[in-house]
């Protein structure tokens, strides 16, 4: 496959994953209202950001999550003010997952199913673990210092955000472990999986 065709394929797959991020966050979330008209939510949108990073590489997966979840925020009156924060955090999730999976473990160079399964979980935990820590902290400072929210309200939201983000991380890790290890062999057989770095 020519390099140009590989790039087009990866961009198309990135768009599909961005759409999945948007749809799952927008329509499958469990929103928890918070004081002051804010909210936090339980959702699996991050799972497709991580899946994209495992399949396509950190930049493509991160962009899928950043674009899909940012659009979801923009379309929601409650979350629209947090869209810039979402873009940065989701991009970071993808980059971290890609770093661990492809730069450190080099999972695409292995045919050992146990090795791939183990490192897909480790990479997922690394990216989503970052989000569990960074999302509440970034949210706290963003709400208080950028949006001018009262400190007490920002603290309450940060605490609740920590809890929901942890739940989201656990659920997403389990989902990604299943999806990636089920989808990857099929995509390789069909020639639809371009190894990360090949289209860069």
N, C-alpha and C. Protein backbone atom coordinates (compact mmCIF):
# COMPACT_ATOMS: atom_id res chain seq x y z
N UNK A 1 0.86 -1.20 0.00
CA UNK A 1 0.00 0.00 0.00
C UNK A 1 0.89 1.24 0.00
N UNK A 2 0.60 2.16 -0.91
CA UNK A 2 1.39 3.37 -0.99
C UNK A 2 1.22 4.22 0.26
N UNK A 3 2.26 5.04 0.53
CA UNK A 3 2.24 5.85 1.74
C UNK A 3 1.04 6.79 1.77
N UNK A 4 0.68 7.37 0.61
CA UNK A 4 -0.47 8.28 0.55
C UNK A 4 -1.75 7.56 0.92
N UNK A 5 -1.92 6.34 0.40
CA UNK A 5 -3.11 5.55 0.71
C UNK A 5 -3.15 5.15 2.19
N UNK A 6 -1.98 4.87 2.76
CA UNK A 6 -1.89 4.54 4.17
C UNK A 6 -2.34 5.71 5.03
N UNK A 7 -1.90 6.91 4.66
CA UNK A 7 -2.28 8.10 5.42
C UNK A 7 -3.78 8.33 5.34
N UNK A 8 -4.35 8.18 4.14
CA UNK A 8 -5.79 8.36 3.96
C UNK A 8 -6.56 7.34 4.80
N UNK A 9 -6.09 6.10 4.81
CA UNK A 9 -6.74 5.05 5.59
C UNK A 9 -6.72 5.38 7.08
N UNK A 10 -5.57 5.82 7.56
CA UNK A 10 -5.45 6.15 8.99
C UNK A 10 -6.32 7.35 9.36
N UNK A 11 -6.39 8.33 8.48
CA UNK A 11 -7.25 9.49 8.74
C UNK A 11 -8.72 9.08 8.76
N UNK A 12 -9.10 8.19 7.86
CA UNK A 12 -10.49 7.71 7.84
C UNK A 12 -10.81 6.95 9.12
N UNK A 13 -9.88 6.10 9.57
CA UNK A 13 -10.08 5.35 10.81
C UNK A 13 -10.11 6.28 12.01
N UNK A 14 -9.29 7.33 11.97
CA UNK A 14 -9.30 8.33 13.04
C UNK A 14 -10.66 9.01 13.11
N UNK A 15 -11.22 9.33 11.96
CA UNK A 15 -12.54 9.97 11.91
C UNK A 15 -13.62 9.06 12.48
N UNK A 16 -13.54 7.77 12.18
CA UNK A 16 -14.51 6.80 12.71
C UNK A 16 -14.41 6.74 14.23
N UNK A 17 -13.19 6.69 14.74
CA UNK A 17 -12.99 6.62 16.19
C UNK A 17 -13.41 7.91 16.87
N UNK A 18 -13.18 9.05 16.23
CA UNK A 18 -13.64 10.33 16.77
C UNK A 18 -15.16 10.35 16.87
N UNK A 19 -15.81 9.80 15.86
CA UNK A 19 -17.27 9.71 15.87
C UNK A 19 -17.75 8.81 17.00
N UNK A 20 -17.06 7.71 17.22
CA UNK A 20 -17.43 6.81 18.32
C UNK A 20 -17.25 7.49 19.67
N UNK A 21 -16.18 8.27 19.82
CA UNK A 21 -15.97 9.04 21.05
C UNK A 21 -17.15 9.99 21.27
N UNK A 22 -17.53 10.69 20.21
CA UNK A 22 -18.63 11.65 20.30
C UNK A 22 -19.95 10.97 20.65
N UNK A 23 -20.27 9.91 19.93
CA UNK A 23 -21.57 9.24 20.10
C UNK A 23 -21.68 8.60 21.48
N UNK A 24 -20.63 7.90 21.92
CA UNK A 24 -20.72 7.22 23.21
C UNK A 24 -20.79 8.21 24.37
N UNK A 25 -20.04 9.32 24.24
CA UNK A 25 -20.11 10.32 25.31
C UNK A 25 -21.46 11.03 25.32
N UNK A 26 -21.94 11.39 24.15
CA UNK A 26 -23.17 12.18 24.05
C UNK A 26 -24.41 11.37 24.40
N UNK A 27 -24.47 10.12 23.95
CA UNK A 27 -25.73 9.36 24.06
C UNK A 27 -25.70 8.23 25.10
N UNK A 28 -24.52 7.84 25.55
CA UNK A 28 -24.45 6.72 26.51
C UNK A 28 -23.95 7.14 27.88
N UNK A 29 -23.78 8.41 28.11
CA UNK A 29 -23.26 8.86 29.40
C UNK A 29 -24.34 8.86 30.48
N UNK A 30 -23.90 8.75 31.71
CA UNK A 30 -24.78 8.94 32.87
C UNK A 30 -24.33 10.24 33.53
N UNK A 31 -25.11 11.28 33.32
CA UNK A 31 -24.72 12.60 33.80
C UNK A 31 -25.12 12.78 35.27
N UNK A 32 -24.20 13.30 36.06
CA UNK A 32 -24.44 13.54 37.49
C UNK A 32 -24.43 15.05 37.72
N UNK A 33 -25.60 15.67 37.93
CA UNK A 33 -25.66 17.12 38.14
C UNK A 33 -24.90 17.55 39.39
N UNK A 34 -24.26 18.71 39.30
CA UNK A 34 -23.48 19.25 40.40
C UNK A 34 -23.99 20.65 40.75
N UNK A 35 -23.63 21.17 41.93
CA UNK A 35 -24.04 22.53 42.31
C UNK A 35 -23.57 23.57 41.30
N UNK A 36 -24.37 24.61 41.12
CA UNK A 36 -24.00 25.70 40.22
C UNK A 36 -24.26 25.41 38.76
N UNK A 37 -25.05 24.36 38.48
CA UNK A 37 -25.39 24.05 37.10
C UNK A 37 -24.33 23.27 36.35
N UNK A 38 -23.31 22.81 37.06
CA UNK A 38 -22.26 22.02 36.43
C UNK A 38 -22.63 20.55 36.49
N UNK A 39 -21.74 19.68 36.01
CA UNK A 39 -22.01 18.24 36.03
C UNK A 39 -20.73 17.47 35.82
N UNK A 40 -20.77 16.20 36.20
CA UNK A 40 -19.74 15.24 35.85
C UNK A 40 -20.47 14.02 35.30
N UNK A 41 -19.77 13.10 34.69
CA UNK A 41 -20.50 11.99 34.09
C UNK A 41 -19.69 10.71 34.04
N UNK A 42 -20.44 9.60 34.00
CA UNK A 42 -19.86 8.29 33.79
C UNK A 42 -20.08 7.96 32.32
N UNK A 43 -18.99 7.61 31.61
CA UNK A 43 -19.09 7.37 30.17
C UNK A 43 -17.93 6.49 29.71
N UNK A 44 -18.01 6.04 28.44
CA UNK A 44 -16.94 5.20 27.87
C UNK A 44 -16.28 5.88 26.67
N UNK A 45 -16.45 7.19 26.55
CA UNK A 45 -15.85 7.91 25.43
C UNK A 45 -14.34 7.76 25.35
N UNK A 46 -13.68 7.75 26.51
CA UNK A 46 -12.21 7.63 26.53
C UNK A 46 -11.73 6.30 25.97
N UNK A 47 -12.57 5.28 26.03
CA UNK A 47 -12.17 3.95 25.55
C UNK A 47 -11.76 3.99 24.09
N UNK A 48 -12.46 4.79 23.29
CA UNK A 48 -12.17 4.83 21.85
C UNK A 48 -10.97 5.70 21.53
N UNK A 49 -10.65 6.61 22.42
CA UNK A 49 -9.40 7.36 22.33
C UNK A 49 -8.22 6.41 22.54
N UNK A 50 -8.33 5.59 23.58
CA UNK A 50 -7.29 4.60 23.88
C UNK A 50 -7.20 3.55 22.79
N UNK A 51 -8.35 3.06 22.33
CA UNK A 51 -8.37 2.07 21.25
C UNK A 51 -7.68 2.62 20.00
N UNK A 52 -7.95 3.89 19.69
CA UNK A 52 -7.31 4.51 18.54
C UNK A 52 -5.80 4.58 18.69
N UNK A 53 -5.32 4.89 19.89
CA UNK A 53 -3.88 4.98 20.12
C UNK A 53 -3.22 3.60 20.00
N UNK A 54 -3.92 2.57 20.44
CA UNK A 54 -3.37 1.21 20.33
C UNK A 54 -3.34 0.74 18.88
N UNK A 55 -4.38 1.06 18.12
CA UNK A 55 -4.47 0.61 16.74
C UNK A 55 -3.65 1.46 15.78
N UNK A 56 -3.69 2.77 15.95
CA UNK A 56 -3.14 3.69 14.95
C UNK A 56 -1.90 4.46 15.39
N UNK A 57 -1.65 4.49 16.71
CA UNK A 57 -0.55 5.27 17.24
C UNK A 57 -1.06 6.43 18.08
N UNK A 58 -0.18 6.99 18.88
CA UNK A 58 -0.57 8.00 19.86
C UNK A 58 -1.20 9.25 19.29
N UNK A 59 -0.61 9.79 18.20
CA UNK A 59 -1.14 11.03 17.64
C UNK A 59 -2.53 10.84 17.07
N UNK A 60 -2.71 9.77 16.31
CA UNK A 60 -4.03 9.53 15.69
C UNK A 60 -5.09 9.22 16.75
N UNK A 61 -4.74 8.38 17.72
CA UNK A 61 -5.69 8.07 18.79
C UNK A 61 -6.00 9.29 19.63
N UNK A 62 -4.95 10.07 19.93
CA UNK A 62 -5.16 11.29 20.72
C UNK A 62 -6.03 12.29 19.99
N UNK A 63 -5.82 12.43 18.68
CA UNK A 63 -6.65 13.36 17.90
C UNK A 63 -8.09 12.87 17.81
N UNK A 64 -8.27 11.55 17.68
CA UNK A 64 -9.63 11.00 17.65
C UNK A 64 -10.38 11.36 18.92
N UNK A 65 -9.72 11.14 20.07
CA UNK A 65 -10.35 11.46 21.35
C UNK A 65 -10.54 12.96 21.52
N UNK A 66 -9.52 13.73 21.15
CA UNK A 66 -9.59 15.19 21.33
C UNK A 66 -10.70 15.80 20.48
N UNK A 67 -10.76 15.39 19.22
CA UNK A 67 -11.78 15.95 18.32
C UNK A 67 -13.18 15.48 18.70
N UNK A 68 -13.33 14.17 18.90
CA UNK A 68 -14.65 13.63 19.21
C UNK A 68 -15.22 14.15 20.52
N UNK A 69 -14.40 14.14 21.55
CA UNK A 69 -14.88 14.56 22.88
C UNK A 69 -15.04 16.07 22.97
N UNK A 70 -14.19 16.82 22.26
CA UNK A 70 -14.32 18.27 22.26
C UNK A 70 -15.62 18.70 21.57
N UNK A 71 -15.93 18.07 20.45
CA UNK A 71 -17.20 18.36 19.78
C UNK A 71 -18.38 18.00 20.68
N UNK A 72 -18.25 16.89 21.41
CA UNK A 72 -19.32 16.50 22.34
C UNK A 72 -19.51 17.58 23.41
N UNK A 73 -18.42 18.12 23.91
CA UNK A 73 -18.50 19.21 24.89
C UNK A 73 -19.14 20.46 24.29
N UNK A 74 -18.71 20.80 23.07
CA UNK A 74 -19.24 22.00 22.43
C UNK A 74 -20.75 21.90 22.21
N UNK A 75 -21.24 20.71 21.95
CA UNK A 75 -22.67 20.52 21.68
C UNK A 75 -23.50 20.41 22.95
N UNK A 76 -22.86 20.39 24.11
CA UNK A 76 -23.56 20.26 25.39
C UNK A 76 -23.45 21.59 26.15
N UNK A 77 -24.57 22.24 26.46
CA UNK A 77 -24.52 23.54 27.15
C UNK A 77 -23.81 23.50 28.49
N UNK A 78 -23.82 22.34 29.16
CA UNK A 78 -23.17 22.23 30.47
C UNK A 78 -21.66 22.12 30.33
N UNK A 79 -21.19 21.41 29.31
CA UNK A 79 -19.77 21.12 29.17
C UNK A 79 -19.02 22.05 28.22
N UNK A 80 -19.74 22.92 27.52
CA UNK A 80 -19.11 23.70 26.46
C UNK A 80 -17.92 24.53 26.95
N UNK A 81 -17.98 25.05 28.16
CA UNK A 81 -16.87 25.87 28.66
C UNK A 81 -15.61 25.04 28.92
N UNK A 82 -15.76 23.73 29.08
CA UNK A 82 -14.61 22.87 29.35
C UNK A 82 -13.98 22.28 28.11
N UNK A 83 -14.47 22.67 26.92
CA UNK A 83 -13.98 22.08 25.68
C UNK A 83 -12.46 22.22 25.48
N UNK A 84 -11.84 23.38 25.74
CA UNK A 84 -10.38 23.47 25.55
C UNK A 84 -9.61 22.50 26.45
N UNK A 85 -10.05 22.37 27.69
CA UNK A 85 -9.41 21.43 28.62
C UNK A 85 -9.55 20.00 28.11
N UNK A 86 -10.73 19.67 27.62
CA UNK A 86 -10.98 18.33 27.09
C UNK A 86 -10.04 18.01 25.94
N UNK A 87 -9.87 18.95 25.02
CA UNK A 87 -9.01 18.72 23.85
C UNK A 87 -7.59 18.35 24.29
N UNK A 88 -7.04 19.10 25.21
CA UNK A 88 -5.67 18.86 25.67
C UNK A 88 -5.54 17.53 26.39
N UNK A 89 -6.48 17.25 27.30
CA UNK A 89 -6.39 16.02 28.10
C UNK A 89 -6.55 14.77 27.24
N UNK A 90 -7.48 14.77 26.30
CA UNK A 90 -7.69 13.59 25.46
C UNK A 90 -6.51 13.36 24.52
N UNK A 91 -5.93 14.45 24.01
CA UNK A 91 -4.73 14.31 23.20
C UNK A 91 -3.61 13.68 24.01
N UNK A 92 -3.46 14.10 25.26
CA UNK A 92 -2.43 13.54 26.14
C UNK A 92 -2.67 12.05 26.43
N UNK A 93 -3.93 11.67 26.61
CA UNK A 93 -4.24 10.25 26.84
C UNK A 93 -3.71 9.43 25.67
N UNK A 94 -4.04 9.86 24.46
CA UNK A 94 -3.60 9.12 23.27
C UNK A 94 -2.08 9.05 23.16
N UNK A 95 -1.41 10.17 23.42
CA UNK A 95 0.05 10.20 23.31
C UNK A 95 0.71 9.28 24.33
N UNK A 96 0.17 9.24 25.54
CA UNK A 96 0.74 8.37 26.58
C UNK A 96 0.52 6.90 26.23
N UNK A 97 -0.69 6.56 25.80
CA UNK A 97 -0.98 5.17 25.41
C UNK A 97 -0.08 4.76 24.24
N UNK A 98 0.05 5.64 23.26
CA UNK A 98 0.91 5.34 22.12
C UNK A 98 2.37 5.18 22.50
N UNK A 99 2.85 6.03 23.42
CA UNK A 99 4.23 5.94 23.88
C UNK A 99 4.51 4.58 24.52
N UNK A 100 3.63 4.18 25.43
CA UNK A 100 3.82 2.91 26.14
C UNK A 100 3.67 1.71 25.20
N UNK A 101 2.62 1.72 24.39
CA UNK A 101 2.32 0.57 23.55
C UNK A 101 3.29 0.40 22.39
N UNK A 102 3.66 1.50 21.74
CA UNK A 102 4.42 1.39 20.49
C UNK A 102 5.88 1.78 20.60
N UNK A 103 6.22 2.71 21.49
CA UNK A 103 7.62 3.11 21.64
C UNK A 103 8.35 2.23 22.65
N UNK A 104 7.65 1.90 23.75
CA UNK A 104 8.28 1.10 24.80
C UNK A 104 8.10 -0.39 24.54
N UNK A 105 6.83 -0.83 24.41
CA UNK A 105 6.55 -2.27 24.27
C UNK A 105 6.64 -2.76 22.83
N UNK A 106 6.48 -1.85 21.86
CA UNK A 106 6.51 -2.21 20.43
C UNK A 106 5.58 -3.39 20.14
N UNK A 107 4.32 -3.24 20.54
CA UNK A 107 3.38 -4.36 20.42
C UNK A 107 3.10 -4.76 18.98
N UNK A 108 3.26 -3.85 18.04
CA UNK A 108 3.00 -4.21 16.64
C UNK A 108 4.10 -5.06 16.03
N UNK A 109 5.21 -5.19 16.74
CA UNK A 109 6.31 -6.03 16.25
C UNK A 109 6.26 -7.42 16.86
N UNK A 110 5.24 -7.67 17.68
CA UNK A 110 5.13 -8.97 18.36
C UNK A 110 3.92 -9.74 17.83
N UNK A 111 4.04 -11.07 17.83
CA UNK A 111 2.91 -11.93 17.48
C UNK A 111 2.46 -12.75 18.69
N UNK A 112 3.07 -12.47 19.85
CA UNK A 112 2.72 -13.16 21.09
C UNK A 112 1.45 -12.55 21.67
N UNK A 113 0.37 -13.30 21.63
CA UNK A 113 -0.94 -12.78 22.06
C UNK A 113 -0.93 -12.36 23.54
N UNK A 114 -0.24 -13.14 24.38
CA UNK A 114 -0.18 -12.79 25.80
C UNK A 114 0.59 -11.50 26.03
N UNK A 115 1.68 -11.34 25.29
CA UNK A 115 2.49 -10.11 25.39
C UNK A 115 1.67 -8.90 24.95
N UNK A 116 0.99 -9.04 23.84
CA UNK A 116 0.17 -7.95 23.30
C UNK A 116 -0.96 -7.61 24.26
N UNK A 117 -1.62 -8.63 24.80
CA UNK A 117 -2.71 -8.42 25.74
C UNK A 117 -2.21 -7.68 26.99
N UNK A 118 -1.08 -8.15 27.53
CA UNK A 118 -0.52 -7.54 28.73
C UNK A 118 -0.18 -6.08 28.50
N UNK A 119 0.50 -5.78 27.41
CA UNK A 119 0.94 -4.41 27.18
C UNK A 119 -0.19 -3.50 26.71
N UNK A 120 -1.22 -4.06 26.11
CA UNK A 120 -2.37 -3.23 25.77
C UNK A 120 -3.07 -2.76 27.04
N UNK A 121 -3.09 -3.62 28.05
CA UNK A 121 -3.68 -3.24 29.34
C UNK A 121 -2.79 -2.22 30.06
N UNK A 122 -1.47 -2.47 30.07
CA UNK A 122 -0.54 -1.55 30.73
C UNK A 122 -0.62 -0.16 30.08
N UNK A 123 -0.65 -0.12 28.76
CA UNK A 123 -0.73 1.16 28.06
C UNK A 123 -2.05 1.87 28.36
N UNK A 124 -3.13 1.10 28.40
CA UNK A 124 -4.44 1.68 28.73
C UNK A 124 -4.45 2.26 30.13
N UNK A 125 -3.90 1.52 31.07
CA UNK A 125 -3.84 1.98 32.46
C UNK A 125 -2.98 3.24 32.57
N UNK A 126 -1.88 3.28 31.81
CA UNK A 126 -1.01 4.47 31.85
C UNK A 126 -1.75 5.72 31.37
N UNK A 127 -2.43 5.60 30.22
CA UNK A 127 -3.14 6.75 29.67
C UNK A 127 -4.33 7.17 30.50
N UNK A 128 -5.13 6.20 30.91
CA UNK A 128 -6.33 6.50 31.69
C UNK A 128 -5.98 6.86 33.13
N UNK A 129 -4.88 6.28 33.64
CA UNK A 129 -4.41 6.65 34.98
C UNK A 129 -3.98 8.11 35.02
N UNK A 130 -3.30 8.53 33.96
CA UNK A 130 -2.96 9.95 33.83
C UNK A 130 -4.22 10.81 33.90
N UNK A 131 -5.27 10.38 33.21
CA UNK A 131 -6.50 11.15 33.16
C UNK A 131 -7.18 11.22 34.53
N UNK A 132 -7.11 10.13 35.29
CA UNK A 132 -7.71 10.12 36.63
C UNK A 132 -7.08 11.19 37.51
N UNK A 133 -5.77 11.40 37.35
CA UNK A 133 -5.07 12.41 38.14
C UNK A 133 -5.21 13.80 37.53
N UNK A 134 -5.00 13.89 36.22
CA UNK A 134 -4.93 15.20 35.57
C UNK A 134 -6.29 15.86 35.40
N UNK A 135 -7.33 15.08 35.12
CA UNK A 135 -8.64 15.68 34.84
C UNK A 135 -9.18 16.49 36.02
N UNK A 136 -9.21 15.93 37.24
CA UNK A 136 -9.71 16.73 38.38
C UNK A 136 -8.82 17.93 38.69
N UNK A 137 -7.49 17.75 38.60
CA UNK A 137 -6.58 18.85 38.91
C UNK A 137 -6.71 19.97 37.88
N UNK A 138 -6.67 19.59 36.60
CA UNK A 138 -6.82 20.58 35.55
C UNK A 138 -8.19 21.24 35.63
N UNK A 139 -9.21 20.43 35.92
CA UNK A 139 -10.56 20.96 36.04
C UNK A 139 -10.68 21.97 37.17
N UNK A 140 -10.03 21.67 38.28
CA UNK A 140 -10.08 22.57 39.44
C UNK A 140 -9.50 23.94 39.09
N UNK A 141 -8.29 23.94 38.56
CA UNK A 141 -7.64 25.22 38.23
C UNK A 141 -8.33 25.92 37.06
N UNK A 142 -8.82 25.14 36.11
CA UNK A 142 -9.51 25.73 34.96
C UNK A 142 -10.80 26.41 35.42
N UNK A 143 -11.56 25.72 36.25
CA UNK A 143 -12.84 26.28 36.72
C UNK A 143 -12.62 27.51 37.59
N UNK A 144 -11.61 27.43 38.47
CA UNK A 144 -11.42 28.52 39.42
C UNK A 144 -10.71 29.73 38.79
N UNK A 145 -9.64 29.48 38.05
CA UNK A 145 -8.80 30.60 37.61
C UNK A 145 -9.11 31.08 36.19
N UNK A 146 -9.65 30.22 35.34
CA UNK A 146 -10.00 30.63 33.99
C UNK A 146 -11.46 31.06 33.91
N UNK A 147 -12.35 30.25 34.53
CA UNK A 147 -13.78 30.54 34.45
C UNK A 147 -14.29 31.35 35.64
N UNK A 148 -13.44 31.52 36.68
CA UNK A 148 -13.83 32.33 37.83
C UNK A 148 -14.87 31.69 38.74
N UNK A 149 -14.89 30.36 38.77
CA UNK A 149 -15.84 29.68 39.65
C UNK A 149 -15.37 29.77 41.10
N UNK A 150 -16.29 29.93 42.06
CA UNK A 150 -15.89 29.97 43.48
C UNK A 150 -15.10 28.73 43.88
N UNK A 151 -14.13 28.92 44.78
CA UNK A 151 -13.23 27.84 45.17
C UNK A 151 -13.97 26.62 45.71
N UNK A 152 -14.96 26.84 46.55
CA UNK A 152 -15.68 25.72 47.16
C UNK A 152 -16.37 24.87 46.10
N UNK A 153 -16.99 25.50 45.12
CA UNK A 153 -17.66 24.77 44.05
C UNK A 153 -16.66 24.00 43.20
N UNK A 154 -15.51 24.63 42.94
CA UNK A 154 -14.46 23.98 42.15
C UNK A 154 -13.92 22.75 42.89
N UNK A 155 -13.80 22.84 44.21
CA UNK A 155 -13.32 21.71 45.02
C UNK A 155 -14.31 20.56 45.00
N UNK A 156 -15.60 20.88 45.16
CA UNK A 156 -16.64 19.83 45.15
C UNK A 156 -16.64 19.10 43.81
N UNK A 157 -16.58 19.87 42.73
CA UNK A 157 -16.59 19.26 41.40
C UNK A 157 -15.34 18.41 41.18
N UNK A 158 -14.19 18.86 41.67
CA UNK A 158 -12.94 18.10 41.52
C UNK A 158 -13.02 16.76 42.23
N UNK A 159 -13.62 16.75 43.43
CA UNK A 159 -13.75 15.50 44.18
C UNK A 159 -14.66 14.51 43.46
N UNK A 160 -15.79 15.00 42.99
CA UNK A 160 -16.71 14.14 42.26
C UNK A 160 -16.10 13.69 40.94
N UNK A 161 -15.37 14.59 40.31
CA UNK A 161 -14.72 14.25 39.04
C UNK A 161 -13.69 13.15 39.22
N UNK A 162 -12.98 13.17 40.34
CA UNK A 162 -12.01 12.12 40.63
C UNK A 162 -12.69 10.76 40.68
N UNK A 163 -13.83 10.69 41.36
CA UNK A 163 -14.57 9.43 41.52
C UNK A 163 -15.09 8.93 40.18
N UNK A 164 -15.74 9.80 39.42
CA UNK A 164 -16.32 9.36 38.14
C UNK A 164 -15.22 9.03 37.13
N UNK A 165 -14.15 9.79 37.14
CA UNK A 165 -13.05 9.54 36.20
C UNK A 165 -12.40 8.19 36.50
N UNK A 166 -12.31 7.84 37.78
CA UNK A 166 -11.76 6.53 38.15
C UNK A 166 -12.66 5.40 37.65
N UNK A 167 -13.95 5.55 37.86
CA UNK A 167 -14.91 4.54 37.36
C UNK A 167 -14.80 4.42 35.84
N UNK A 168 -14.76 5.57 35.17
CA UNK A 168 -14.64 5.57 33.72
C UNK A 168 -13.37 4.85 33.27
N UNK A 169 -12.28 5.07 33.99
CA UNK A 169 -10.99 4.47 33.64
C UNK A 169 -11.04 2.95 33.75
N UNK A 170 -11.63 2.46 34.83
CA UNK A 170 -11.73 1.00 35.04
C UNK A 170 -12.58 0.36 33.94
N UNK A 171 -13.75 0.93 33.70
CA UNK A 171 -14.66 0.38 32.69
C UNK A 171 -14.02 0.45 31.30
N UNK A 172 -13.39 1.56 30.99
CA UNK A 172 -12.77 1.74 29.67
C UNK A 172 -11.60 0.79 29.47
N UNK A 173 -10.81 0.54 30.52
CA UNK A 173 -9.68 -0.39 30.41
C UNK A 173 -10.16 -1.79 30.08
N UNK A 174 -11.20 -2.25 30.76
CA UNK A 174 -11.76 -3.57 30.49
C UNK A 174 -12.30 -3.65 29.07
N UNK A 175 -13.03 -2.61 28.66
CA UNK A 175 -13.62 -2.58 27.32
C UNK A 175 -12.55 -2.58 26.23
N UNK A 176 -11.52 -1.76 26.42
CA UNK A 176 -10.44 -1.67 25.43
C UNK A 176 -9.67 -2.99 25.33
N UNK A 177 -9.40 -3.62 26.46
CA UNK A 177 -8.68 -4.90 26.45
C UNK A 177 -9.43 -5.92 25.59
N UNK A 178 -10.74 -5.92 25.71
CA UNK A 178 -11.55 -6.85 24.92
C UNK A 178 -11.58 -6.44 23.45
N UNK A 179 -11.90 -5.17 23.19
CA UNK A 179 -12.06 -4.70 21.82
C UNK A 179 -10.76 -4.79 21.01
N UNK A 180 -9.68 -4.28 21.60
CA UNK A 180 -8.41 -4.25 20.86
C UNK A 180 -7.94 -5.65 20.49
N UNK A 181 -7.98 -6.55 21.46
CA UNK A 181 -7.48 -7.89 21.20
C UNK A 181 -8.42 -8.73 20.35
N UNK A 182 -9.67 -8.27 20.17
CA UNK A 182 -10.60 -8.93 19.27
C UNK A 182 -10.52 -8.35 17.86
N UNK A 183 -10.36 -7.02 17.77
CA UNK A 183 -10.39 -6.33 16.48
C UNK A 183 -9.04 -6.37 15.77
N UNK A 184 -7.95 -6.28 16.50
CA UNK A 184 -6.62 -6.20 15.89
C UNK A 184 -6.33 -7.34 14.92
N UNK A 185 -6.54 -8.62 15.30
CA UNK A 185 -6.24 -9.71 14.35
C UNK A 185 -7.07 -9.61 13.06
N UNK A 186 -8.33 -9.22 13.20
CA UNK A 186 -9.21 -9.12 12.02
C UNK A 186 -8.73 -8.01 11.09
N UNK A 187 -8.33 -6.88 11.67
CA UNK A 187 -7.84 -5.76 10.86
C UNK A 187 -6.52 -6.11 10.17
N UNK A 188 -5.66 -6.86 10.84
CA UNK A 188 -4.39 -7.28 10.24
C UNK A 188 -4.64 -8.22 9.07
N UNK A 189 -5.56 -9.17 9.25
CA UNK A 189 -5.87 -10.13 8.18
C UNK A 189 -6.45 -9.43 6.95
N UNK A 190 -7.24 -8.41 7.19
CA UNK A 190 -7.90 -7.73 6.08
C UNK A 190 -7.03 -6.65 5.44
N UNK A 191 -5.89 -6.37 6.06
CA UNK A 191 -5.00 -5.33 5.54
C UNK A 191 -5.44 -3.92 5.84
N UNK A 192 -6.36 -3.79 6.80
CA UNK A 192 -6.90 -2.48 7.15
C UNK A 192 -6.17 -1.82 8.32
N UNK A 193 -5.18 -2.50 8.87
CA UNK A 193 -4.43 -1.93 9.98
C UNK A 193 -3.05 -1.53 9.51
N UNK A 194 -2.82 -0.21 9.53
CA UNK A 194 -1.51 0.33 9.19
C UNK A 194 -0.71 0.50 10.47
N UNK A 195 0.47 -0.06 10.50
CA UNK A 195 1.27 0.04 11.72
C UNK A 195 1.61 1.49 12.04
N UNK A 196 1.54 1.88 13.34
CA UNK A 196 1.89 3.25 13.72
C UNK A 196 3.28 3.61 13.21
N UNK A 197 3.38 4.83 12.63
CA UNK A 197 4.67 5.28 12.12
C UNK A 197 4.82 5.05 10.63
N UNK A 198 4.07 4.11 10.08
CA UNK A 198 4.22 3.80 8.64
C UNK A 198 3.68 4.90 7.75
N UNK A 199 2.63 5.61 8.29
CA UNK A 199 2.03 6.66 7.46
C UNK A 199 2.47 8.05 7.88
N UNK A 200 3.40 8.11 8.83
CA UNK A 200 3.83 9.41 9.35
C UNK A 200 4.69 10.13 8.33
